[in-house]
Amino acid sequence: MDCLFCKIVAGEIPGDIVHTTERTVAFRDLVAQAPTHVLIVPRDHYANAAELAAGDPVASAELVTTAAAVATAEGYDDYRLVFNTGAGAGQSVFHTHLHLLAGRPLSWPPG
């Protein structure tokens, strides 16, 4: 499989990893949209959030608990979590990933 995030999870290519669990890996986004912009991915490959929720609901929930742990470790009580599902919604890597954004005011509605 030629998946960028699978390669980061496997340690085949470097990532700025900030947190890991049995089911998840969290690393800094290279194109940060906020002072803290971390991607939380399941270790197993699922193309999008809906596929992960159907295939491994425990890992799906663990993405959120991992994001909360990272936000706390980074010193944030206020943060945004975003899943993009499909190219039309902005998903560019088709391995489920949850964006954790914090450290600046985040307007609504988002972009």
PDB file of N, CA and C in Angstrom:
ATOM      1  N   MET A   1       0.853  -1.178   0.000  1.00  0.00           N
ATOM      2  CA  MET A   1       0.000   0.000   0.000  1.00  0.00           C
ATOM      3  C   MET A   1       0.898   1.240   0.000  1.00  0.00           C
ATOM      4  N   ASP A   2       0.544   2.210  -0.796  1.00  0.00           N
ATOM      5  CA  ASP A   2       1.340   3.430  -0.920  1.00  0.00           C
ATOM      6  C   ASP A   2       0.643   4.573  -0.195  1.00  0.00           C
ATOM      7  N   CYS A   3       0.473   4.423   1.113  1.00  0.00           N
ATOM      8  CA  CYS A   3      -0.233   5.422   1.919  1.00  0.00           C
ATOM      9  C   CYS A   3       0.765   6.167   2.795  1.00  0.00           C
ATOM     10  N   LEU A   4       0.805   7.472   2.654  1.00  0.00           N
ATOM     11  CA  LEU A   4       1.723   8.310   3.417  1.00  0.00           C
ATOM     12  C   LEU A   4       1.572   8.086   4.919  1.00  0.00           C
ATOM     13  N   PHE A   5       0.334   8.079   5.409  1.00  0.00           N
ATOM     14  CA  PHE A   5       0.136   7.959   6.857  1.00  0.00           C
ATOM     15  C   PHE A   5       0.463   6.553   7.345  1.00  0.00           C
ATOM     16  N   CYS A   6       0.218   5.531   6.539  1.00  0.00           N
ATOM     17  CA  CYS A   6       0.634   4.170   6.916  1.00  0.00           C
ATOM     18  C   CYS A   6       2.151   4.115   7.065  1.00  0.00           C
ATOM     19  N   LYS A   7       2.862   4.822   6.191  1.00  0.00           N
ATOM     20  CA  LYS A   7       4.329   4.839   6.257  1.00  0.00           C
ATOM     21  C   LYS A   7       4.824   5.580   7.493  1.00  0.00           C
ATOM     22  N   ILE A   8       4.141   6.638   7.903  1.00  0.00           N
ATOM     23  CA  ILE A   8       4.507   7.337   9.137  1.00  0.00           C
ATOM     24  C   ILE A   8       4.249   6.429  10.335  1.00  0.00           C
ATOM     25  N   VAL A   9       3.084   5.789  10.367  1.00  0.00           N
ATOM     26  CA  VAL A   9       2.741   4.870  11.462  1.00  0.00           C
ATOM     27  C   VAL A   9       3.786   3.753  11.563  1.00  0.00           C
ATOM     28  N   ALA A  10       4.213   3.227  10.426  1.00  0.00           N
ATOM     29  CA  ALA A  10       5.178   2.120  10.401  1.00  0.00           C
ATOM     30  C   ALA A  10       6.606   2.574  10.672  1.00  0.00           C
ATOM     31  N   GLY A  11       6.848   3.890  10.709  1.00  0.00           N
ATOM     32  CA  GLY A  11       8.191   4.401  10.923  1.00  0.00           C
ATOM     33  C   GLY A  11       9.060   4.374   9.682  1.00  0.00           C
ATOM     34  N   GLU A  12       8.442   4.161   8.512  1.00  0.00           N
ATOM     35  CA  GLU A  12       9.190   4.124   7.259  1.00  0.00           C
ATOM     36  C   GLU A  12       9.604   5.509   6.791  1.00  0.00           C
ATOM     37  N   ILE A  13       8.821   6.516   7.154  1.00  0.00           N
ATOM     38  CA  ILE A  13       9.185   7.900   6.888  1.00  0.00           C
ATOM     39  C   ILE A  13       8.982   8.683   8.179  1.00  0.00           C
ATOM     40  N   PRO A  14       9.752   9.751   8.384  1.00  0.00           N
ATOM     41  CA  PRO A  14       9.668  10.472   9.655  1.00  0.00           C
ATOM     42  C   PRO A  14       8.395  11.296   9.771  1.00  0.00           C
ATOM     43  N   GLY A  15       7.967  11.440  10.989  1.00  0.00           N
ATOM     44  CA  GLY A  15       6.876  12.328  11.342  1.00  0.00           C
ATOM     45  C   GLY A  15       7.175  12.884  12.714  1.00  0.00           C
ATOM     46  N   ASP A  16       6.702  14.079  12.993  1.00  0.00           N
ATOM     47  CA  ASP A  16       6.904  14.686  14.315  1.00  0.00           C
ATOM     48  C   ASP A  16       5.817  14.145  15.236  1.00  0.00           C
ATOM     49  N   ILE A  17       6.051  12.940  15.735  1.00  0.00           N
ATOM     50  CA  ILE A  17       5.055  12.221  16.531  1.00  0.00           C
ATOM     51  C   ILE A  17       5.024  12.801  17.938  1.00  0.00           C
ATOM     52  N   VAL A  18       3.804  13.125  18.397  1.00  0.00           N
ATOM     53  CA  VAL A  18       3.628  13.740  19.715  1.00  0.00           C
ATOM     54  C   VAL A  18       2.928  12.829  20.713  1.00  0.00           C
ATOM     55  N   HIS A  19       2.271  11.768  20.233  1.00  0.00           N
ATOM     56  CA  HIS A  19       1.533  10.886  21.143  1.00  0.00           C
ATOM     57  C   HIS A  19       1.204   9.594  20.397  1.00  0.00           C
ATOM     58  N   THR A  20       1.262   8.491  21.115  1.00  0.00           N
ATOM     59  CA  THR A  20       0.849   7.214  20.536  1.00  0.00           C
ATOM     60  C   THR A  20       0.041   6.433  21.556  1.00  0.00           C
ATOM     61  N   THR A  21      -0.840   5.583  21.044  1.00  0.00           N
ATOM     62  CA  THR A  21      -1.566   4.620  21.865  1.00  0.00           C
ATOM     63  C   THR A  21      -1.529   3.296  21.102  1.00  0.00           C
ATOM     64  N   GLU A  22      -2.167   2.313  21.662  1.00  0.00           N
ATOM     65  CA  GLU A  22      -2.233   1.007  21.003  1.00  0.00           C
ATOM     66  C   GLU A  22      -2.881   1.107  19.625  1.00  0.00           C
ATOM     67  N   ARG A  23      -3.860   2.025  19.483  1.00  0.00           N
ATOM     68  CA  ARG A  23      -4.615   2.119  18.236  1.00  0.00           C
ATOM     69  C   ARG A  23      -4.357   3.382  17.426  1.00  0.00           C
ATOM     70  N   THR A  24      -3.664   4.379  18.012  1.00  0.00           N
ATOM     71  CA  THR A  24      -3.535   5.669  17.332  1.00  0.00           C
ATOM     72  C   THR A  24      -2.099   6.199  17.346  1.00  0.00           C
ATOM     73  N   VAL A  25      -1.841   7.091  16.390  1.00  0.00           N
ATOM     74  CA  VAL A  25      -0.586   7.843  16.330  1.00  0.00           C
ATOM     75  C   VAL A  25      -0.971   9.295  16.039  1.00  0.00           C
ATOM     76  N   ALA A  26      -0.368  10.214  16.791  1.00  0.00           N
ATOM     77  CA  ALA A  26      -0.619  11.643  16.594  1.00  0.00           C
ATOM     78  C   ALA A  26       0.690  12.324  16.215  1.00  0.00           C
ATOM     79  N   PHE A  27       0.627  13.124  15.146  1.00  0.00           N
ATOM     80  CA  PHE A  27       1.826  13.819  14.680  1.00  0.00           C
ATOM     81  C   PHE A  27       1.450  15.196  14.145  1.00  0.00           C
ATOM     82  N   ARG A  28       2.421  16.089  14.149  1.00  0.00           N
ATOM     83  CA  ARG A  28       2.180  17.469  13.707  1.00  0.00           C
ATOM     84  C   ARG A  28       1.970  17.531  12.191  1.00  0.00           C
ATOM     85  N   ASP A  29       1.009  18.350  11.798  1.00  0.00           N
ATOM     86  CA  ASP A  29       0.733  18.577  10.383  1.00  0.00           C
ATOM     87  C   ASP A  29       1.841  19.440   9.800  1.00  0.00           C
ATOM     88  N   LEU A  30       2.356  19.072   8.639  1.00  0.00           N
ATOM     89  CA  LEU A  30       3.417  19.846   7.990  1.00  0.00           C
ATOM     90  C   LEU A  30       2.920  21.182   7.452  1.00  0.00           C
ATOM     91  N   VAL A  31       1.615  21.287   7.210  1.00  0.00           N
ATOM     92  CA  VAL A  31       1.031  22.531   6.696  1.00  0.00           C
ATOM     93  C   VAL A  31       0.053  23.041   7.761  1.00  0.00           C
ATOM     94  N   ALA A  32       0.609  23.454   8.883  1.00  0.00           N
ATOM     95  CA  ALA A  32      -0.196  23.832  10.047  1.00  0.00           C
ATOM     96  C   ALA A  32      -1.109  25.017   9.747  1.00  0.00           C
ATOM     97  N   GLN A  33      -2.342  24.887  10.203  1.00  0.00           N
ATOM     98  CA  GLN A  33      -3.342  25.939  10.051  1.00  0.00           C
ATOM     99  C   GLN A  33      -3.612  26.653  11.368  1.00  0.00           C
ATOM    100  N   ALA A  34      -2.884  26.271  12.417  1.00  0.00           N
ATOM    101  CA  ALA A  34      -2.994  26.881  13.745  1.00  0.00           C
ATOM    102  C   ALA A  34      -1.684  26.601  14.466  1.00  0.00           C
ATOM    103  N   PRO A  35      -1.404  27.342  15.545  1.00  0.00           N
ATOM    104  CA  PRO A  35      -0.173  27.075  16.286  1.00  0.00           C
ATOM    105  C   PRO A  35      -0.034  25.603  16.705  1.00  0.00           C
ATOM    106  N   THR A  36      -1.121  24.999  17.092  1.00  0.00           N
ATOM    107  CA  THR A  36      -1.132  23.554  17.305  1.00  0.00           C
ATOM    108  C   THR A  36      -2.034  22.953  16.238  1.00  0.00           C
ATOM    109  N   HIS A  37      -1.456  22.146  15.369  1.00  0.00           N
ATOM    110  CA  HIS A  37      -2.209  21.432  14.336  1.00  0.00           C
ATOM    111  C   HIS A  37      -1.616  20.032  14.283  1.00  0.00           C
ATOM    112  N   VAL A  38      -2.333  19.110  14.894  1.00  0.00           N
ATOM    113  CA  VAL A  38      -1.891  17.730  15.017  1.00  0.00           C
ATOM    114  C   VAL A  38      -2.892  16.833  14.311  1.00  0.00           C
ATOM    115  N   LEU A  39      -2.391  15.836  13.603  1.00  0.00           N
ATOM    116  CA  LEU A  39      -3.235  14.831  12.970  1.00  0.00           C
ATOM    117  C   LEU A  39      -3.203  13.576  13.828  1.00  0.00           C
ATOM    118  N   ILE A  40      -4.387  13.033  14.100  1.00  0.00           N
ATOM    119  CA  ILE A  40      -4.486  11.795  14.857  1.00  0.00           C
ATOM    120  C   ILE A  40      -5.036  10.752  13.900  1.00  0.00           C
ATOM    121  N   VAL A  41      -4.283   9.657  13.730  1.00  0.00           N
ATOM    122  CA  VAL A  41      -4.649   8.620  12.758  1.00  0.00           C
ATOM    123  C   VAL A  41      -4.751   7.270  13.451  1.00  0.00           C
ATOM    124  N   PRO A  42      -5.622   6.391  12.941  1.00  0.00           N
ATOM    125  CA  PRO A  42      -5.611   5.022  13.446  1.00  0.00           C
ATOM    126  C   PRO A  42      -4.392   4.293  12.879  1.00  0.00           C
ATOM    127  N   ARG A  43      -3.877   3.348  13.642  1.00  0.00           N
ATOM    128  CA  ARG A  43      -2.735   2.568  13.146  1.00  0.00           C
ATOM    129  C   ARG A  43      -3.137   1.724  11.934  1.00  0.00           C
ATOM    130  N   ASP A  44      -4.365   1.237  11.925  1.00  0.00           N
ATOM    131  CA  ASP A  44      -4.856   0.457  10.792  1.00  0.00           C
ATOM    132  C   ASP A  44      -5.425   1.397   9.735  1.00  0.00           C
ATOM    133  N   HIS A  45      -5.310   0.976   8.486  1.00  0.00           N
ATOM    134  CA  HIS A  45      -5.748   1.823   7.379  1.00  0.00           C
ATOM    135  C   HIS A  45      -7.257   1.717   7.153  1.00  0.00           C
ATOM    136  N   TYR A  46      -7.902   2.858   7.227  1.00  0.00           N
ATOM    137  CA  TYR A  46      -9.299   3.040   6.822  1.00  0.00           C
ATOM    138  C   TYR A  46      -9.319   4.320   6.002  1.00  0.00           C
ATOM    139  N   ALA A  47     -10.054   4.335   4.921  1.00  0.00           N
ATOM    140  CA  ALA A  47      -9.999   5.467   3.990  1.00  0.00           C
ATOM    141  C   ALA A  47     -10.571   6.758   4.557  1.00  0.00           C
ATOM    142  N   ASN A  48     -11.592   6.667   5.400  1.00  0.00           N
ATOM    143  CA  ASN A  48     -12.229   7.880   5.911  1.00  0.00           C
ATOM    144  C   ASN A  48     -12.903   7.607   7.248  1.00  0.00           C
ATOM    145  N   ALA A  49     -13.436   8.647   7.866  1.00  0.00           N
ATOM    146  CA  ALA A  49     -14.017   8.546   9.207  1.00  0.00           C
ATOM    147  C   ALA A  49     -15.192   7.579   9.256  1.00  0.00           C
ATOM    148  N   ALA A  50     -16.045   7.581   8.244  1.00  0.00           N
ATOM    149  CA  ALA A  50     -17.202   6.678   8.238  1.00  0.00           C
ATOM    150  C   ALA A  50     -16.754   5.226   8.137  1.00  0.00           C
ATOM    151  N   GLU A  51     -15.747   4.972   7.308  1.00  0.00           N
ATOM    152  CA  GLU A  51     -15.224   3.604   7.168  1.00  0.00           C
ATOM    153  C   GLU A  51     -14.611   3.127   8.486  1.00  0.00           C
ATOM    154  N   LEU A  52     -13.892   4.005   9.169  1.00  0.00           N
ATOM    155  CA  LEU A  52     -13.307   3.648  10.464  1.00  0.00           C
ATOM    156  C   LEU A  52     -14.396   3.373  11.493  1.00  0.00           C
ATOM    157  N   ALA A  53     -15.400   4.229  11.562  1.00  0.00           N
ATOM    158  CA  ALA A  53     -16.480   4.051  12.540  1.00  0.00           C
ATOM    159  C   ALA A  53     -17.195   2.725  12.349  1.00  0.00           C
ATOM    160  N   ALA A  54     -17.394   2.333  11.095  1.00  0.00           N
ATOM    161  CA  ALA A  54     -18.057   1.053  10.811  1.00  0.00           C
ATOM    162  C   ALA A  54     -17.127  -0.132  11.076  1.00  0.00           C
ATOM    163  N   GLY A  55     -15.850   0.013  10.752  1.00  0.00           N
ATOM    164  CA  GLY A  55     -14.916  -1.103  10.843  1.00  0.00           C
ATOM    165  C   GLY A  55     -14.283  -1.298  12.201  1.00  0.00           C
ATOM    166  N   ASP A  56     -14.068  -0.205  12.943  1.00  0.00           N
ATOM    167  CA  ASP A  56     -13.421  -0.295  14.252  1.00  0.00           C
ATOM    168  C   ASP A  56     -13.891   0.873  15.120  1.00  0.00           C
ATOM    169  N   PRO A  57     -15.105   0.759  15.665  1.00  0.00           N
ATOM    170  CA  PRO A  57     -15.642   1.871  16.452  1.00  0.00           C
ATOM    171  C   PRO A  57     -14.803   2.220  17.677  1.00  0.00           C
ATOM    172  N   VAL A  58     -14.089   1.254  18.233  1.00  0.00           N
ATOM    173  CA  VAL A  58     -13.234   1.545  19.386  1.00  0.00           C
ATOM    174  C   VAL A  58     -12.092   2.470  18.965  1.00  0.00           C
ATOM    175  N   ALA A  59     -11.464   2.183  17.838  1.00  0.00           N
ATOM    176  CA  ALA A  59     -10.396   3.058  17.329  1.00  0.00           C
ATOM    177  C   ALA A  59     -10.949   4.423  16.959  1.00  0.00           C
ATOM    178  N   SER A  60     -12.154   4.453  16.431  1.00  0.00           N
ATOM    179  CA  SER A  60     -12.785   5.721  16.074  1.00  0.00           C
ATOM    180  C   SER A  60     -12.920   6.605  17.316  1.00  0.00           C
ATOM    181  N   ALA A  61     -13.415   6.037  18.391  1.00  0.00           N
ATOM    182  CA  ALA A  61     -13.544   6.795  19.645  1.00  0.00           C
ATOM    183  C   ALA A  61     -12.180   7.173  20.201  1.00  0.00           C
ATOM    184  N   GLU A  62     -11.204   6.299  20.038  1.00  0.00           N
ATOM    185  CA  GLU A  62      -9.872   6.571  20.574  1.00  0.00           C
ATOM    186  C   GLU A  62      -9.192   7.737  19.865  1.00  0.00           C
ATOM    187  N   LEU A  63      -9.549   8.017  18.611  1.00  0.00           N
ATOM    188  CA  LEU A  63      -9.012   9.211  17.959  1.00  0.00           C
ATOM    189  C   LEU A  63      -9.364  10.454  18.762  1.00  0.00           C
ATOM    190  N   VAL A  64     -10.606  10.510  19.244  1.00  0.00           N
ATOM    191  CA  VAL A  64     -11.060  11.678  19.998  1.00  0.00           C
ATOM    192  C   VAL A  64     -10.386  11.743  21.368  1.00  0.00           C
ATOM    193  N   THR A  65     -10.266  10.618  22.058  1.00  0.00           N
ATOM    194  CA  THR A  65      -9.611  10.645  23.371  1.00  0.00           C
ATOM    195  C   THR A  65      -8.121  10.964  23.224  1.00  0.00           C
ATOM    196  N   THR A  66      -7.502  10.506  22.156  1.00  0.00           N
ATOM    197  CA  THR A  66      -6.104  10.856  21.900  1.00  0.00           C
ATOM    198  C   THR A  66      -5.986  12.351  21.630  1.00  0.00           C
ATOM    199  N   ALA A  67      -6.888  12.897  20.839  1.00  0.00           N
ATOM    200  CA  ALA A  67      -6.872  14.341  20.561  1.00  0.00           C
ATOM    201  C   ALA A  67      -7.013  15.138  21.851  1.00  0.00           C
ATOM    202  N   ALA A  68      -7.885  14.714  22.739  1.00  0.00           N
ATOM    203  CA  ALA A  68      -8.062  15.412  24.017  1.00  0.00           C
ATOM    204  C   ALA A  68      -6.782  15.350  24.844  1.00  0.00           C
ATOM    205  N   ALA A  69      -6.115  14.207  24.844  1.00  0.00           N
ATOM    206  CA  ALA A  69      -4.857  14.063  25.591  1.00  0.00           C
ATOM    207  C   ALA A  69      -3.778  14.978  25.018  1.00  0.00           C
ATOM    208  N   VAL A  70      -3.707  15.067  23.698  1.00  0.00           N
ATOM    209  CA  VAL A  70      -2.718  15.944  23.064  1.00  0.00           C
ATOM    210  C   VAL A  70      -3.029  17.401  23.392  1.00  0.00           C
ATOM    211  N   ALA A  71      -4.300  17.796  23.292  1.00  0.00           N
ATOM    212  CA  ALA A  71      -4.679  19.180  23.604  1.00  0.00           C
ATOM    213  C   ALA A  71      -4.294  19.527  25.041  1.00  0.00           C
ATOM    214  N   THR A  72      -4.564  18.640  25.962  1.00  0.00           N
ATOM    215  CA  THR A  72      -4.206  18.867  27.361  1.00  0.00           C
ATOM    216  C   THR A  72      -2.695  18.989  27.517  1.00  0.00           C
ATOM    217  N   ALA A  73      -1.951  18.092  26.884  1.00  0.00           N
ATOM    218  CA  ALA A  73      -0.487  18.130  26.971  1.00  0.00           C
ATOM    219  C   ALA A  73       0.082  19.423  26.384  1.00  0.00           C
ATOM    220  N   GLU A  74      -0.606  19.971  25.367  1.00  0.00           N
ATOM    221  CA  GLU A  74      -0.153  21.210  24.733  1.00  0.00           C
ATOM    222  C   GLU A  74      -0.641  22.446  25.489  1.00  0.00           C
ATOM    223  N   GLY A  75      -1.473  22.243  26.519  1.00  0.00           N
ATOM    224  CA  GLY A  75      -1.940  23.346  27.353  1.00  0.00           C
ATOM    225  C   GLY A  75      -3.222  24.009  26.905  1.00  0.00           C
ATOM    226  N   TYR A  76      -4.052  23.294  26.139  1.00  0.00           N
ATOM    227  CA  TYR A  76      -5.290  23.884  25.614  1.00  0.00           C
ATOM    228  C   TYR A  76      -6.533  23.211  26.182  1.00  0.00           C
ATOM    229  N   ASP A  77      -7.477  24.055  26.633  1.00  0.00           N
ATOM    230  CA  ASP A  77      -8.809  23.586  27.001  1.00  0.00           C
ATOM    231  C   ASP A  77      -9.771  23.766  25.832  1.00  0.00           C
ATOM    232  N   ASP A  78      -9.477  24.742  24.964  1.00  0.00           N
ATOM    233  CA  ASP A  78     -10.313  25.053  23.809  1.00  0.00           C
ATOM    234  C   ASP A  78      -9.595  24.600  22.547  1.00  0.00           C
ATOM    235  N   TYR A  79     -10.299  23.816  21.744  1.00  0.00           N
ATOM    236  CA  TYR A  79      -9.696  23.312  20.507  1.00  0.00           C
ATOM    237  C   TYR A  79     -10.799  22.863  19.573  1.00  0.00           C
ATOM    238  N   ARG A  80     -10.428  22.655  18.319  1.00  0.00           N
ATOM    239  CA  ARG A  80     -11.369  22.177  17.305  1.00  0.00           C
ATOM    240  C   ARG A  80     -10.887  20.835  16.780  1.00  0.00           C
ATOM    241  N   LEU A  81     -11.842  19.928  16.549  1.00  0.00           N
ATOM    242  CA  LEU A  81     -11.568  18.637  15.928  1.00  0.00           C
ATOM    243  C   LEU A  81     -12.302  18.587  14.604  1.00  0.00           C
ATOM    244  N   VAL A  82     -11.593  18.157  13.541  1.00  0.00           N
ATOM    245  CA  VAL A  82     -12.182  18.142  12.200  1.00  0.00           C
ATOM    246  C   VAL A  82     -11.824  16.848  11.486  1.00  0.00           C
ATOM    247  N   PHE A  83     -12.855  16.196  10.929  1.00  0.00           N
ATOM    248  CA  PHE A  83     -12.671  15.106   9.966  1.00  0.00           C
ATOM    249  C   PHE A  83     -13.076  15.643   8.607  1.00  0.00           C
ATOM    250  N   ASN A  84     -12.244  15.455   7.591  1.00  0.00           N
ATOM    251  CA  ASN A  84     -12.629  15.725   6.210  1.00  0.00           C
ATOM    252  C   ASN A  84     -12.820  14.360   5.557  1.00  0.00           C
ATOM    253  N   THR A  85     -13.987  14.143   4.977  1.00  0.00           N
ATOM    254  CA  THR A  85     -14.279  12.856   4.347  1.00  0.00           C
ATOM    255  C   THR A  85     -14.597  13.083   2.881  1.00  0.00           C
ATOM    256  N   GLY A  86     -13.660  12.685   2.017  1.00  0.00           N
ATOM    257  CA  GLY A  86     -13.823  12.839   0.582  1.00  0.00           C
ATOM    258  C   GLY A  86     -13.091  14.053   0.059  1.00  0.00           C
ATOM    259  N   ALA A  87     -12.682  13.974  -1.184  1.00  0.00           N
ATOM    260  CA  ALA A  87     -11.925  15.059  -1.814  1.00  0.00           C
ATOM    261  C   ALA A  87     -12.696  16.367  -1.821  1.00  0.00           C
ATOM    262  N   GLY A  88     -14.007  16.296  -2.019  1.00  0.00           N
ATOM    263  CA  GLY A  88     -14.825  17.504  -2.051  1.00  0.00           C
ATOM    264  C   GLY A  88     -14.887  18.226  -0.720  1.00  0.00           C
ATOM    265  N   ALA A  89     -14.565  17.519   0.368  1.00  0.00           N
ATOM    266  CA  ALA A  89     -14.546  18.116   1.698  1.00  0.00           C
ATOM    267  C   ALA A  89     -13.134  18.496   2.131  1.00  0.00           C
ATOM    268  N   GLY A  90     -12.158  18.295   1.246  1.00  0.00           N
ATOM    269  CA  GLY A  90     -10.790  18.680   1.550  1.00  0.00           C
ATOM    270  C   GLY A  90      -9.870  17.553   1.975  1.00  0.00           C
ATOM    271  N   GLN A  91     -10.350  16.308   1.956  1.00  0.00           N
ATOM    272  CA  GLN A  91      -9.467  15.199   2.320  1.00  0.00           C
ATOM    273  C   GLN A  91      -8.463  14.984   1.193  1.00  0.00           C
ATOM    274  N   SER A  92      -7.174  15.023   1.543  1.00  0.00           N
ATOM    275  CA  SER A  92      -6.139  14.849   0.527  1.00  0.00           C
ATOM    276  C   SER A  92      -5.320  13.578   0.732  1.00  0.00           C
ATOM    277  N   VAL A  93      -5.331  13.030   1.943  1.00  0.00           N
ATOM    278  CA  VAL A  93      -4.705  11.740   2.214  1.00  0.00           C
ATOM    279  C   VAL A  93      -5.825  10.809   2.643  1.00  0.00           C
ATOM    280  N   PHE A  94      -6.006   9.724   1.921  1.00  0.00           N
ATOM    281  CA  PHE A  94      -7.160   8.855   2.138  1.00  0.00           C
ATOM    282  C   PHE A  94      -6.841   7.733   3.122  1.00  0.00           C
ATOM    283  N   HIS A  95      -6.424   8.184   4.307  1.00  0.00           N
ATOM    284  CA  HIS A  95      -6.261   7.387   5.518  1.00  0.00           C
ATOM    285  C   HIS A  95      -6.931   8.248   6.574  1.00  0.00           C
ATOM    286  N   THR A  96      -7.924   7.698   7.257  1.00  0.00           N
ATOM    287  CA  THR A  96      -8.664   8.490   8.236  1.00  0.00           C
ATOM    288  C   THR A  96      -7.712   9.309   9.089  1.00  0.00           C
ATOM    289  N   HIS A  97      -8.026  10.580   9.259  1.00  0.00           N
ATOM    290  CA  HIS A  97      -7.261  11.418  10.170  1.00  0.00           C
ATOM    291  C   HIS A  97      -8.138  12.510  10.746  1.00  0.00           C
ATOM    292  N   LEU A  98      -7.916  12.740  12.024  1.00  0.00           N
ATOM    293  CA  LEU A  98      -8.631  13.762  12.775  1.00  0.00           C
ATOM    294  C   LEU A  98      -7.676  14.931  12.987  1.00  0.00           C
ATOM    295  N   HIS A  99      -8.100  16.115  12.581  1.00  0.00           N
ATOM    296  CA  HIS A  99      -7.304  17.318  12.781  1.00  0.00           C
ATOM    297  C   HIS A  99      -7.617  17.898  14.158  1.00  0.00           C
ATOM    298  N   LEU A 100      -6.590  18.178  14.929  1.00  0.00           N
ATOM    299  CA  LEU A 100      -6.703  18.913  16.185  1.00  0.00           C
ATOM    300  C   LEU A 100      -6.100  20.290  15.933  1.00  0.00           C
ATOM    301  N   LEU A 101      -6.914  21.335  16.100  1.00  0.00           N
ATOM    302  CA  LEU A 101      -6.480  22.709  15.880  1.00  0.00           C
ATOM    303  C   LEU A 101      -6.668  23.504  17.166  1.00  0.00           C
ATOM    304  N   ALA A 102      -5.638  24.242  17.568  1.00  0.00           N
ATOM    305  CA  ALA A 102      -5.728  25.043  18.793  1.00  0.00           C
ATOM    306  C   ALA A 102      -4.679  26.139  18.745  1.00  0.00           C
ATOM    307  N   GLY A 103      -4.853  27.114  19.631  1.00  0.00           N
ATOM    308  CA  GLY A 103      -3.837  28.145  19.793  1.00  0.00           C
ATOM    309  C   GLY A 103      -4.121  29.447  19.083  1.00  0.00           C
ATOM    310  N   ARG A 104      -5.271  29.556  18.443  1.00  0.00           N
ATOM    311  CA  ARG A 104      -5.685  30.817  17.828  1.00  0.00           C
ATOM    312  C   ARG A 104      -7.206  30.832  17.794  1.00  0.00           C
ATOM    313  N   PRO A 105      -7.805  32.018  17.658  1.00  0.00           N
ATOM    314  CA  PRO A 105      -9.258  32.059  17.526  1.00  0.00           C
ATOM    315  C   PRO A 105      -9.696  31.319  16.253  1.00  0.00           C
ATOM    316  N   LEU A 106     -10.701  30.500  16.371  1.00  0.00           N
ATOM    317  CA  LEU A 106     -11.225  29.735  15.241  1.00  0.00           C
ATOM    318  C   LEU A 106     -12.641  30.197  14.962  1.00  0.00           C
ATOM    319  N   SER A 107     -12.845  30.788  13.796  1.00  0.00           N
ATOM    320  CA  SER A 107     -14.151  31.379  13.461  1.00  0.00           C
ATOM    321  C   SER A 107     -15.143  30.299  13.047  1.00  0.00           C
ATOM    322  N   TRP A 108     -16.399  30.706  12.993  1.00  0.00           N
ATOM    323  CA  TRP A 108     -17.476  29.822  12.556  1.00  0.00           C
ATOM    324  C   TRP A 108     -18.353  30.572  11.588  1.00  0.00           C
ATOM    325  N   PRO A 109     -18.778  30.021  10.498  1.00  0.00           N
ATOM    326  CA  PRO A 109     -18.462  28.662  10.081  1.00  0.00           C
ATOM    327  C   PRO A 109     -17.033  28.565   9.551  1.00  0.00           C
ATOM    328  N   PRO A 110     -16.463  27.365   9.628  1.00  0.00           N
ATOM    329  CA  PRO A 110     -15.102  27.195   9.116  1.00  0.00           C
ATOM    330  C   PRO A 110     -15.076  27.313   7.601  1.00  0.00           C
ATOM    331  N   GLY A 111     -13.896  27.621   7.042  1.00  0.00           N
ATOM    332  CA  GLY A 111     -13.625  27.819   5.633  1.00  0.00           C
ATOM    333  C   GLY A 111     -14.465  27.055   4.725  1.00  0.00           C
TER     334      GLY A 111
END
